[in-house]
Amino acid sequence: MDSNFYFNVEGRISMILLLYVDDMFLTGEEKLIVDAKMKVSTQFEMKYLGMMHYFLGLQVWKSAYGIFLGQGKYAVDILKRFSMLDCKEMTTPMVSNLKLLCDAS
């Protein structure tokens, strides 16, 4: 791949390519994404998996208000791993609104 593999139109970033091991994430202008996928596919075997749902352990979802990241699935997986999925929540066993004073002795 040539070393000029970046995209800049009129001094602004119009596409971002994020590569982590064997996962690639592209965002930006549709035409640039299509061109980038074509260029990368000439050098590497790849397949398009559609819109991103998970990346580096983060859940990703898109709505009319933007793109959101969450770790709900990660939290549930930890609870399952330690057989705590059916545990009941409880309040923090601590006095609320506790004021601590500095002991300046």
PDB file of N, CA and C in Angstrom:
ATOM      1  N   MET A   1       0.851  -1.162   0.000  1.00  0.00           N
ATOM      2  CA  MET A   1       0.000   0.000   0.000  1.00  0.00           C
ATOM      3  C   MET A   1       0.898   1.226   0.000  1.00  0.00           C
ATOM      4  N   ASP A   2       0.529   2.283  -0.753  1.00  0.00           N
ATOM      5  CA  ASP A   2       1.411   3.440  -0.776  1.00  0.00           C
ATOM      6  C   ASP A   2       1.308   4.220   0.531  1.00  0.00           C
ATOM      7  N   SER A   3       2.333   5.036   0.803  1.00  0.00           N
ATOM      8  CA  SER A   3       2.394   5.727   2.092  1.00  0.00           C
ATOM      9  C   SER A   3       1.455   6.921   2.162  1.00  0.00           C
ATOM     10  N   ASN A   4       0.829   7.291   1.059  1.00  0.00           N
ATOM     11  CA  ASN A   4      -0.101   8.418   1.052  1.00  0.00           C
ATOM     12  C   ASN A   4      -1.532   7.950   1.231  1.00  0.00           C
ATOM     13  N   PHE A   5      -1.739   7.055   2.163  1.00  0.00           N
ATOM     14  CA  PHE A   5      -3.069   6.493   2.358  1.00  0.00           C
ATOM     15  C   PHE A   5      -3.811   7.274   3.439  1.00  0.00           C
ATOM     16  N   TYR A   6      -4.128   8.506   3.139  1.00  0.00           N
ATOM     17  CA  TYR A   6      -4.930   9.350   4.015  1.00  0.00           C
ATOM     18  C   TYR A   6      -5.835  10.185   3.123  1.00  0.00           C
ATOM     19  N   PHE A   7      -6.854  10.769   3.715  1.00  0.00           N
ATOM     20  CA  PHE A   7      -7.819  11.526   2.943  1.00  0.00           C
ATOM     21  C   PHE A   7      -7.997  12.893   3.586  1.00  0.00           C
ATOM     22  N   ASN A   8      -7.861  13.932   2.789  1.00  0.00           N
ATOM     23  CA  ASN A   8      -8.028  15.285   3.280  1.00  0.00           C
ATOM     24  C   ASN A   8      -8.604  16.114   2.137  1.00  0.00           C
ATOM     25  N   VAL A   9      -9.748  16.717   2.356  1.00  0.00           N
ATOM     26  CA  VAL A   9     -10.392  17.520   1.321  1.00  0.00           C
ATOM     27  C   VAL A   9     -10.523  18.937   1.844  1.00  0.00           C
ATOM     28  N   GLU A  10      -9.966  19.873   1.115  1.00  0.00           N
ATOM     29  CA  GLU A  10     -10.054  21.293   1.471  1.00  0.00           C
ATOM     30  C   GLU A  10      -9.617  21.562   2.906  1.00  0.00           C
ATOM     31  N   GLY A  11      -8.545  20.919   3.336  1.00  0.00           N
ATOM     32  CA  GLY A  11      -7.992  21.172   4.655  1.00  0.00           C
ATOM     33  C   GLY A  11      -8.763  20.594   5.825  1.00  0.00           C
ATOM     34  N   ARG A  12      -9.763  19.759   5.591  1.00  0.00           N
ATOM     35  CA  ARG A  12     -10.512  19.171   6.699  1.00  0.00           C
ATOM     36  C   ARG A  12     -10.495  17.657   6.569  1.00  0.00           C
ATOM     37  N   ILE A  13     -10.592  16.990   7.695  1.00  0.00           N
ATOM     38  CA  ILE A  13     -10.643  15.526   7.674  1.00  0.00           C
ATOM     39  C   ILE A  13     -12.016  15.112   7.188  1.00  0.00           C
ATOM     40  N   SER A  14     -12.048  14.276   6.175  1.00  0.00           N
ATOM     41  CA  SER A  14     -13.336  13.857   5.648  1.00  0.00           C
ATOM     42  C   SER A  14     -13.542  12.349   5.766  1.00  0.00           C
ATOM     43  N   MET A  15     -12.512  11.642   6.286  1.00  0.00           N
ATOM     44  CA  MET A  15     -12.651  10.223   6.554  1.00  0.00           C
ATOM     45  C   MET A  15     -11.643   9.824   7.616  1.00  0.00           C
ATOM     46  N   ILE A  16     -12.057   8.928   8.493  1.00  0.00           N
ATOM     47  CA  ILE A  16     -11.157   8.403   9.514  1.00  0.00           C
ATOM     48  C   ILE A  16     -11.104   6.892   9.353  1.00  0.00           C
ATOM     49  N   LEU A  17      -9.908   6.347   9.312  1.00  0.00           N
ATOM     50  CA  LEU A  17      -9.692   4.913   9.231  1.00  0.00           C
ATOM     51  C   LEU A  17      -9.015   4.500  10.531  1.00  0.00           C
ATOM     52  N   LEU A  18      -9.661   3.619  11.283  1.00  0.00           N
ATOM     53  CA  LEU A  18      -9.117   3.106  12.530  1.00  0.00           C
ATOM     54  C   LEU A  18      -8.836   1.631  12.336  1.00  0.00           C
ATOM     55  N   LEU A  19      -7.592   1.231  12.547  1.00  0.00           N
ATOM     56  CA  LEU A  19      -7.194  -0.156  12.346  1.00  0.00           C
ATOM     57  C   LEU A  19      -6.633  -0.702  13.646  1.00  0.00           C
ATOM     58  N   TYR A  20      -7.202  -1.811  14.115  1.00  0.00           N
ATOM     59  CA  TYR A  20      -6.733  -2.467  15.327  1.00  0.00           C
ATOM     60  C   TYR A  20      -6.622  -3.955  15.045  1.00  0.00           C
ATOM     61  N   VAL A  21      -5.410  -4.452  14.999  1.00  0.00           N
ATOM     62  CA  VAL A  21      -5.069  -5.829  14.676  1.00  0.00           C
ATOM     63  C   VAL A  21      -5.732  -6.225  13.361  1.00  0.00           C
ATOM     64  N   ASP A  22      -6.860  -6.932  13.398  1.00  0.00           N
ATOM     65  CA  ASP A  22      -7.504  -7.327  12.143  1.00  0.00           C
ATOM     66  C   ASP A  22      -8.899  -6.726  12.000  1.00  0.00           C
ATOM     67  N   ASP A  23      -9.185  -5.699  12.778  1.00  0.00           N
ATOM     68  CA  ASP A  23     -10.468  -5.000  12.662  1.00  0.00           C
ATOM     69  C   ASP A  23     -10.232  -3.600  12.093  1.00  0.00           C
ATOM     70  N   MET A  24     -11.102  -3.210  11.173  1.00  0.00           N
ATOM     71  CA  MET A  24     -10.987  -1.892  10.566  1.00  0.00           C
ATOM     72  C   MET A  24     -12.318  -1.172  10.691  1.00  0.00           C
ATOM     73  N   PHE A  25     -12.249   0.080  11.070  1.00  0.00           N
ATOM     74  CA  PHE A  25     -13.432   0.921  11.226  1.00  0.00           C
ATOM     75  C   PHE A  25     -13.232   2.152  10.360  1.00  0.00           C
ATOM     76  N   LEU A  26     -14.203   2.445   9.504  1.00  0.00           N
ATOM     77  CA  LEU A  26     -14.159   3.615   8.635  1.00  0.00           C
ATOM     78  C   LEU A  26     -15.362   4.500   8.916  1.00  0.00           C
ATOM     79  N   THR A  27     -15.134   5.786   8.988  1.00  0.00           N
ATOM     80  CA  THR A  27     -16.236   6.723   9.122  1.00  0.00           C
ATOM     81  C   THR A  27     -15.899   7.976   8.323  1.00  0.00           C
ATOM     82  N   GLY A  28     -16.918   8.600   7.813  1.00  0.00           N
ATOM     83  CA  GLY A  28     -16.704   9.810   7.021  1.00  0.00           C
ATOM     84  C   GLY A  28     -17.620   9.846   5.818  1.00  0.00           C
ATOM     85  N   GLU A  29     -17.138  10.508   4.781  1.00  0.00           N
ATOM     86  CA  GLU A  29     -17.922  10.654   3.550  1.00  0.00           C
ATOM     87  C   GLU A  29     -18.004   9.321   2.816  1.00  0.00           C
ATOM     88  N   GLU A  30     -19.199   8.991   2.372  1.00  0.00           N
ATOM     89  CA  GLU A  30     -19.465   7.682   1.761  1.00  0.00           C
ATOM     90  C   GLU A  30     -18.536   7.373   0.589  1.00  0.00           C
ATOM     91  N   LYS A  31     -18.304   8.343  -0.294  1.00  0.00           N
ATOM     92  CA  LYS A  31     -17.447   8.111  -1.468  1.00  0.00           C
ATOM     93  C   LYS A  31     -16.036   7.744  -1.039  1.00  0.00           C
ATOM     94  N   LEU A  32     -15.520   8.417  -0.035  1.00  0.00           N
ATOM     95  CA  LEU A  32     -14.175   8.117   0.441  1.00  0.00           C
ATOM     96  C   LEU A  32     -14.103   6.740   1.099  1.00  0.00           C
ATOM     97  N   ILE A  33     -15.156   6.352   1.800  1.00  0.00           N
ATOM     98  CA  ILE A  33     -15.191   5.029   2.422  1.00  0.00           C
ATOM     99  C   ILE A  33     -15.167   3.948   1.353  1.00  0.00           C
ATOM    100  N   VAL A  34     -15.964   4.114   0.310  1.00  0.00           N
ATOM    101  CA  VAL A  34     -15.998   3.137  -0.791  1.00  0.00           C
ATOM    102  C   VAL A  34     -14.624   3.047  -1.446  1.00  0.00           C
ATOM    103  N   ASP A  35     -13.989   4.198  -1.724  1.00  0.00           N
ATOM    104  CA  ASP A  35     -12.652   4.208  -2.339  1.00  0.00           C
ATOM    105  C   ASP A  35     -11.626   3.525  -1.441  1.00  0.00           C
ATOM    106  N   ALA A  36     -11.685   3.813  -0.146  1.00  0.00           N
ATOM    107  CA  ALA A  36     -10.727   3.220   0.796  1.00  0.00           C
ATOM    108  C   ALA A  36     -10.895   1.708   0.855  1.00  0.00           C
ATOM    109  N   LYS A  37     -12.135   1.230   0.906  1.00  0.00           N
ATOM    110  CA  LYS A  37     -12.369  -0.212   0.944  1.00  0.00           C
ATOM    111  C   LYS A  37     -11.820  -0.885  -0.314  1.00  0.00           C
ATOM    112  N   MET A  38     -11.988  -0.229  -1.464  1.00  0.00           N
ATOM    113  CA  MET A  38     -11.453  -0.790  -2.705  1.00  0.00           C
ATOM    114  C   MET A  38      -9.927  -0.854  -2.655  1.00  0.00           C
ATOM    115  N   LYS A  39      -9.274   0.226  -2.210  1.00  0.00           N
ATOM    116  CA  LYS A  39      -7.808   0.247  -2.143  1.00  0.00           C
ATOM    117  C   LYS A  39      -7.273  -0.792  -1.169  1.00  0.00           C
ATOM    118  N   VAL A  40      -7.875  -0.892   0.003  1.00  0.00           N
ATOM    119  CA  VAL A  40      -7.412  -1.850   1.001  1.00  0.00           C
ATOM    120  C   VAL A  40      -7.629  -3.274   0.516  1.00  0.00           C
ATOM    121  N   SER A  41      -8.755  -3.538  -0.144  1.00  0.00           N
ATOM    122  CA  SER A  41      -9.055  -4.898  -0.600  1.00  0.00           C
ATOM    123  C   SER A  41      -8.114  -5.366  -1.708  1.00  0.00           C
ATOM    124  N   THR A  42      -7.425  -4.433  -2.401  1.00  0.00           N
ATOM    125  CA  THR A  42      -6.441  -4.856  -3.403  1.00  0.00           C
ATOM    126  C   THR A  42      -5.174  -5.396  -2.746  1.00  0.00           C
ATOM    127  N   GLN A  43      -4.928  -5.003  -1.507  1.00  0.00           N
ATOM    128  CA  GLN A  43      -3.720  -5.432  -0.793  1.00  0.00           C
ATOM    129  C   GLN A  43      -3.984  -6.539   0.233  1.00  0.00           C
ATOM    130  N   PHE A  44      -5.201  -6.577   0.765  1.00  0.00           N
ATOM    131  CA  PHE A  44      -5.516  -7.512   1.840  1.00  0.00           C
ATOM    132  C   PHE A  44      -6.845  -8.197   1.578  1.00  0.00           C
ATOM    133  N   GLU A  45      -6.944  -9.454   2.050  1.00  0.00           N
ATOM    134  CA  GLU A  45      -8.224 -10.154   1.976  1.00  0.00           C
ATOM    135  C   GLU A  45      -9.116  -9.582   3.066  1.00  0.00           C
ATOM    136  N   MET A  46     -10.321  -9.198   2.707  1.00  0.00           N
ATOM    137  CA  MET A  46     -11.223  -8.626   3.699  1.00  0.00           C
ATOM    138  C   MET A  46     -12.655  -8.887   3.313  1.00  0.00           C
ATOM    139  N   LYS A  47     -13.540  -8.778   4.302  1.00  0.00           N
ATOM    140  CA  LYS A  47     -14.963  -8.896   4.026  1.00  0.00           C
ATOM    141  C   LYS A  47     -15.690  -7.814   4.804  1.00  0.00           C
ATOM    142  N   TYR A  48     -16.778  -7.348   4.238  1.00  0.00           N
ATOM    143  CA  TYR A  48     -17.579  -6.295   4.844  1.00  0.00           C
ATOM    144  C   TYR A  48     -18.598  -6.934   5.778  1.00  0.00           C
ATOM    145  N   LEU A  49     -18.584  -6.535   7.044  1.00  0.00           N
ATOM    146  CA  LEU A  49     -19.480  -7.117   8.036  1.00  0.00           C
ATOM    147  C   LEU A  49     -20.664  -6.224   8.363  1.00  0.00           C
ATOM    148  N   GLY A  50     -20.829  -5.145   7.633  1.00  0.00           N
ATOM    149  CA  GLY A  50     -21.966  -4.255   7.874  1.00  0.00           C
ATOM    150  C   GLY A  50     -21.652  -3.203   8.919  1.00  0.00           C
ATOM    151  N   MET A  51     -22.712  -2.604   9.423  1.00  0.00           N
ATOM    152  CA  MET A  51     -22.560  -1.576  10.443  1.00  0.00           C
ATOM    153  C   MET A  51     -21.938  -2.178  11.698  1.00  0.00           C
ATOM    154  N   MET A  52     -21.123  -1.393  12.374  1.00  0.00           N
ATOM    155  CA  MET A  52     -20.439  -1.854  13.573  1.00  0.00           C
ATOM    156  C   MET A  52     -21.425  -1.975  14.732  1.00  0.00           C
ATOM    157  N   HIS A  53     -21.344  -3.096  15.451  1.00  0.00           N
ATOM    158  CA  HIS A  53     -22.157  -3.302  16.644  1.00  0.00           C
ATOM    159  C   HIS A  53     -21.276  -3.427  17.881  1.00  0.00           C
ATOM    160  N   TYR A  54     -20.069  -3.985  17.701  1.00  0.00           N
ATOM    161  CA  TYR A  54     -19.101  -4.120  18.792  1.00  0.00           C
ATOM    162  C   TYR A  54     -17.730  -3.765  18.265  1.00  0.00           C
ATOM    163  N   PHE A  55     -16.940  -3.067  19.070  1.00  0.00           N
ATOM    164  CA  PHE A  55     -15.560  -2.754  18.704  1.00  0.00           C
ATOM    165  C   PHE A  55     -14.759  -2.656  19.987  1.00  0.00           C
ATOM    166  N   LEU A  56     -13.731  -3.494  20.109  1.00  0.00           N
ATOM    167  CA  LEU A  56     -12.869  -3.524  21.289  1.00  0.00           C
ATOM    168  C   LEU A  56     -13.668  -3.660  22.579  1.00  0.00           C
ATOM    169  N   GLY A  57     -14.691  -4.498  22.560  1.00  0.00           N
ATOM    170  CA  GLY A  57     -15.493  -4.749  23.743  1.00  0.00           C
ATOM    171  C   GLY A  57     -16.577  -3.725  24.015  1.00  0.00           C
ATOM    172  N   LEU A  58     -16.683  -2.702  23.207  1.00  0.00           N
ATOM    173  CA  LEU A  58     -17.718  -1.684  23.388  1.00  0.00           C
ATOM    174  C   LEU A  58     -18.896  -1.959  22.470  1.00  0.00           C
ATOM    175  N   GLN A  59     -20.101  -1.792  22.997  1.00  0.00           N
ATOM    176  CA  GLN A  59     -21.286  -1.855  22.147  1.00  0.00           C
ATOM    177  C   GLN A  59     -21.392  -0.510  21.431  1.00  0.00           C
ATOM    178  N   VAL A  60     -21.781  -0.547  20.179  1.00  0.00           N
ATOM    179  CA  VAL A  60     -21.922   0.671  19.386  1.00  0.00           C
ATOM    180  C   VAL A  60     -23.298   0.660  18.751  1.00  0.00           C
ATOM    181  N   TRP A  61     -24.038   1.752  18.898  1.00  0.00           N
ATOM    182  CA  TRP A  61     -25.317   1.863  18.212  1.00  0.00           C
ATOM    183  C   TRP A  61     -25.521   3.288  17.755  1.00  0.00           C
ATOM    184  N   LYS A  62     -26.293   3.407  16.692  1.00  0.00           N
ATOM    185  CA  LYS A  62     -26.522   4.693  16.050  1.00  0.00           C
ATOM    186  C   LYS A  62     -27.999   5.041  16.162  1.00  0.00           C
ATOM    187  N   SER A  63     -28.281   6.304  16.427  1.00  0.00           N
ATOM    188  CA  SER A  63     -29.662   6.772  16.447  1.00  0.00           C
ATOM    189  C   SER A  63     -29.707   8.124  15.736  1.00  0.00           C
ATOM    190  N   ALA A  64     -30.871   8.728  15.723  1.00  0.00           N
ATOM    191  CA  ALA A  64     -31.018  10.040  15.094  1.00  0.00           C
ATOM    192  C   ALA A  64     -30.212  11.107  15.832  1.00  0.00           C
ATOM    193  N   TYR A  65     -29.847  10.832  17.094  1.00  0.00           N
ATOM    194  CA  TYR A  65     -29.125  11.805  17.915  1.00  0.00           C
ATOM    195  C   TYR A  65     -27.615  11.634  17.872  1.00  0.00           C
ATOM    196  N   GLY A  66     -27.118  10.566  17.270  1.00  0.00           N
ATOM    197  CA  GLY A  66     -25.679  10.361  17.182  1.00  0.00           C
ATOM    198  C   GLY A  66     -25.289   8.912  17.348  1.00  0.00           C
ATOM    199  N   ILE A  67     -24.009   8.705  17.597  1.00  0.00           N
ATOM    200  CA  ILE A  67     -23.451   7.376  17.793  1.00  0.00           C
ATOM    201  C   ILE A  67     -23.153   7.222  19.276  1.00  0.00           C
ATOM    202  N   PHE A  68     -23.548   6.093  19.848  1.00  0.00           N
ATOM    203  CA  PHE A  68     -23.411   5.867  21.278  1.00  0.00           C
ATOM    204  C   PHE A  68     -22.559   4.629  21.551  1.00  0.00           C
ATOM    205  N   LEU A  69     -21.820   4.660  22.648  1.00  0.00           N
ATOM    206  CA  LEU A  69     -20.989   3.550  23.085  1.00  0.00           C
ATOM    207  C   LEU A  69     -21.479   3.091  24.453  1.00  0.00           C
ATOM    208  N   GLY A  70     -21.432   1.802  24.700  1.00  0.00           N
ATOM    209  CA  GLY A  70     -21.858   1.287  25.991  1.00  0.00           C
ATOM    210  C   GLY A  70     -21.110   0.021  26.357  1.00  0.00           C
ATOM    211  N   GLN A  71     -21.154  -0.330  27.644  1.00  0.00           N
ATOM    212  CA  GLN A  71     -20.493  -1.534  28.112  1.00  0.00           C
ATOM    213  C   GLN A  71     -21.460  -2.467  28.839  1.00  0.00           C
ATOM    214  N   GLY A  72     -22.744  -2.366  28.523  1.00  0.00           N
ATOM    215  CA  GLY A  72     -23.747  -3.212  29.169  1.00  0.00           C
ATOM    216  C   GLY A  72     -23.484  -4.691  28.985  1.00  0.00           C
ATOM    217  N   LYS A  73     -23.145  -5.116  27.777  1.00  0.00           N
ATOM    218  CA  LYS A  73     -22.875  -6.525  27.513  1.00  0.00           C
ATOM    219  C   LYS A  73     -21.670  -6.988  28.319  1.00  0.00           C
ATOM    220  N   TYR A  74     -20.646  -6.156  28.439  1.00  0.00           N
ATOM    221  CA  TYR A  74     -19.454  -6.481  29.215  1.00  0.00           C
ATOM    222  C   TYR A  74     -19.828  -6.713  30.680  1.00  0.00           C
ATOM    223  N   ALA A  75     -20.651  -5.833  31.239  1.00  0.00           N
ATOM    224  CA  ALA A  75     -21.083  -5.967  32.639  1.00  0.00           C
ATOM    225  C   ALA A  75     -21.871  -7.257  32.839  1.00  0.00           C
ATOM    226  N   VAL A  76     -22.772  -7.571  31.929  1.00  0.00           N
ATOM    227  CA  VAL A  76     -23.561  -8.808  32.026  1.00  0.00           C
ATOM    228  C   VAL A  76     -22.647 -10.025  31.912  1.00  0.00           C
ATOM    229  N   ASP A  77     -21.664  -9.983  31.024  1.00  0.00           N
ATOM    230  CA  ASP A  77     -20.722 -11.103  30.877  1.00  0.00           C
ATOM    231  C   ASP A  77     -19.940 -11.349  32.172  1.00  0.00           C
ATOM    232  N   ILE A  78     -19.544 -10.272  32.855  1.00  0.00           N
ATOM    233  CA  ILE A  78     -18.830 -10.428  34.130  1.00  0.00           C
ATOM    234  C   ILE A  78     -19.747 -11.048  35.180  1.00  0.00           C
ATOM    235  N   LEU A  79     -20.988 -10.571  35.240  1.00  0.00           N
ATOM    236  CA  LEU A  79     -21.934 -11.148  36.204  1.00  0.00           C
ATOM    237  C   LEU A  79     -22.162 -12.629  35.925  1.00  0.00           C
ATOM    238  N   LYS A  80     -22.282 -12.998  34.661  1.00  0.00           N
ATOM    239  CA  LYS A  80     -22.455 -14.422  34.298  1.00  0.00           C
ATOM    240  C   LYS A  80     -21.227 -15.234  34.699  1.00  0.00           C
ATOM    241  N   ARG A  81     -20.052 -14.683  34.435  1.00  0.00           N
ATOM    242  CA  ARG A  81     -18.800 -15.397  34.713  1.00  0.00           C
ATOM    243  C   ARG A  81     -18.681 -15.773  36.189  1.00  0.00           C
ATOM    244  N   PHE A  82     -19.153 -14.898  37.062  1.00  0.00           N
ATOM    245  CA  PHE A  82     -19.045 -15.155  38.498  1.00  0.00           C
ATOM    246  C   PHE A  82     -20.372 -15.611  39.114  1.00  0.00           C
ATOM    247  N   SER A  83     -21.277 -16.083  38.270  1.00  0.00           N
ATOM    248  CA  SER A  83     -22.580 -16.602  38.705  1.00  0.00           C
ATOM    249  C   SER A  83     -23.324 -15.613  39.595  1.00  0.00           C
ATOM    250  N   MET A  84     -23.329 -14.367  39.196  1.00  0.00           N
ATOM    251  CA  MET A  84     -23.981 -13.321  39.984  1.00  0.00           C
ATOM    252  C   MET A  84     -25.118 -12.653  39.218  1.00  0.00           C
ATOM    253  N   LEU A  85     -25.554 -13.269  38.144  1.00  0.00           N
ATOM    254  CA  LEU A  85     -26.575 -12.647  37.303  1.00  0.00           C
ATOM    255  C   LEU A  85     -27.901 -12.482  38.034  1.00  0.00           C
ATOM    256  N   ASP A  86     -28.212 -13.388  38.959  1.00  0.00           N
ATOM    257  CA  ASP A  86     -29.481 -13.321  39.681  1.00  0.00           C
ATOM    258  C   ASP A  86     -29.367 -12.632  41.044  1.00  0.00           C
ATOM    259  N   CYS A  87     -28.235 -12.015  41.311  1.00  0.00           N
ATOM    260  CA  CYS A  87     -28.061 -11.331  42.601  1.00  0.00           C
ATOM    261  C   CYS A  87     -28.927 -10.080  42.663  1.00  0.00           C
ATOM    262  N   LYS A  88     -29.335  -9.747  43.874  1.00  0.00           N
ATOM    263  CA  LYS A  88     -30.158  -8.554  44.104  1.00  0.00           C
ATOM    264  C   LYS A  88     -29.245  -7.372  44.392  1.00  0.00           C
ATOM    265  N   GLU A  89     -29.672  -6.193  43.937  1.00  0.00           N
ATOM    266  CA  GLU A  89     -28.876  -5.005  44.234  1.00  0.00           C
ATOM    267  C   GLU A  89     -29.097  -4.601  45.685  1.00  0.00           C
ATOM    268  N   MET A  90     -28.172  -3.802  46.198  1.00  0.00           N
ATOM    269  CA  MET A  90     -28.329  -3.303  47.551  1.00  0.00           C
ATOM    270  C   MET A  90     -27.675  -1.936  47.634  1.00  0.00           C
ATOM    271  N   THR A  91     -28.146  -1.161  48.552  1.00  0.00           N
ATOM    272  CA  THR A  91     -27.580   0.171  48.704  1.00  0.00           C
ATOM    273  C   THR A  91     -26.168   0.064  49.265  1.00  0.00           C
ATOM    274  N   THR A  92     -25.416   1.090  49.044  1.00  0.00           N
ATOM    275  CA  THR A  92     -24.052   1.121  49.567  1.00  0.00           C
ATOM    276  C   THR A  92     -24.110   1.164  51.088  1.00  0.00           C
ATOM    277  N   PRO A  93     -23.451   0.245  51.784  1.00  0.00           N
ATOM    278  CA  PRO A  93     -23.516   0.213  53.247  1.00  0.00           C
ATOM    279  C   PRO A  93     -22.644   1.322  53.858  1.00  0.00           C
ATOM    280  N   MET A  94     -23.111   2.548  53.681  1.00  0.00           N
ATOM    281  CA  MET A  94     -22.337   3.694  54.130  1.00  0.00           C
ATOM    282  C   MET A  94     -23.294   4.840  54.404  1.00  0.00           C
ATOM    283  N   VAL A  95     -22.945   5.668  55.341  1.00  0.00           N
ATOM    284  CA  VAL A  95     -23.782   6.817  55.648  1.00  0.00           C
ATOM    285  C   VAL A  95     -23.731   7.788  54.469  1.00  0.00           C
ATOM    286  N   SER A  96     -24.913   8.196  53.981  1.00  0.00           N
ATOM    287  CA  SER A  96     -24.917   9.163  52.890  1.00  0.00           C
ATOM    288  C   SER A  96     -24.706  10.564  53.448  1.00  0.00           C
ATOM    289  N   ASN A  97     -24.175  11.437  52.627  1.00  0.00           N
ATOM    290  CA  ASN A  97     -23.891  12.838  52.985  1.00  0.00           C
ATOM    291  C   ASN A  97     -22.915  12.945  54.158  1.00  0.00           C
ATOM    292  N   LEU A  98     -22.027  12.005  54.289  1.00  0.00           N
ATOM    293  CA  LEU A  98     -21.029  12.013  55.345  1.00  0.00           C
ATOM    294  C   LEU A  98     -20.006  13.114  55.069  1.00  0.00           C
ATOM    295  N   LYS A  99     -19.719  13.950  56.048  1.00  0.00           N
ATOM    296  CA  LYS A  99     -18.723  15.016  55.918  1.00  0.00           C
ATOM    297  C   LYS A  99     -17.449  14.575  56.612  1.00  0.00           C
ATOM    298  N   LEU A 100     -16.372  14.552  55.875  1.00  0.00           N
ATOM    299  CA  LEU A 100     -15.081  14.175  56.451  1.00  0.00           C
ATOM    300  C   LEU A 100     -14.280  15.451  56.715  1.00  0.00           C
ATOM    301  N   LEU A 101     -13.619  15.475  57.858  1.00  0.00           N
ATOM    302  CA  LEU A 101     -12.822  16.642  58.232  1.00  0.00           C
ATOM    303  C   LEU A 101     -11.343  16.287  58.177  1.00  0.00           C
ATOM    304  N   CYS A 102     -10.554  17.260  57.822  1.00  0.00           N
ATOM    305  CA  CYS A 102      -9.112  17.064  57.771  1.00  0.00           C
ATOM    306  C   CYS A 102      -8.549  17.187  59.180  1.00  0.00           C
ATOM    307  N   ASP A 103      -7.761  16.217  59.588  1.00  0.00           N
ATOM    308  CA  ASP A 103      -7.122  16.246  60.905  1.00  0.00           C
ATOM    309  C   ASP A 103      -5.768  16.930  60.744  1.00  0.00           C
ATOM    310  N   ALA A 104      -5.701  18.196  61.038  1.00  0.00           N
ATOM    311  CA  ALA A 104      -4.471  18.968  60.855  1.00  0.00           C
ATOM    312  C   ALA A 104      -3.692  19.009  62.166  1.00  0.00           C
ATOM    313  N   SER A 105      -3.188  17.872  62.627  1.00  0.00           N
ATOM    314  CA  SER A 105      -2.448  17.872  63.883  1.00  0.00           C
ATOM    315  C   SER A 105      -0.971  17.950  63.660  1.00  0.00           C
TER     316      SER A 105
END
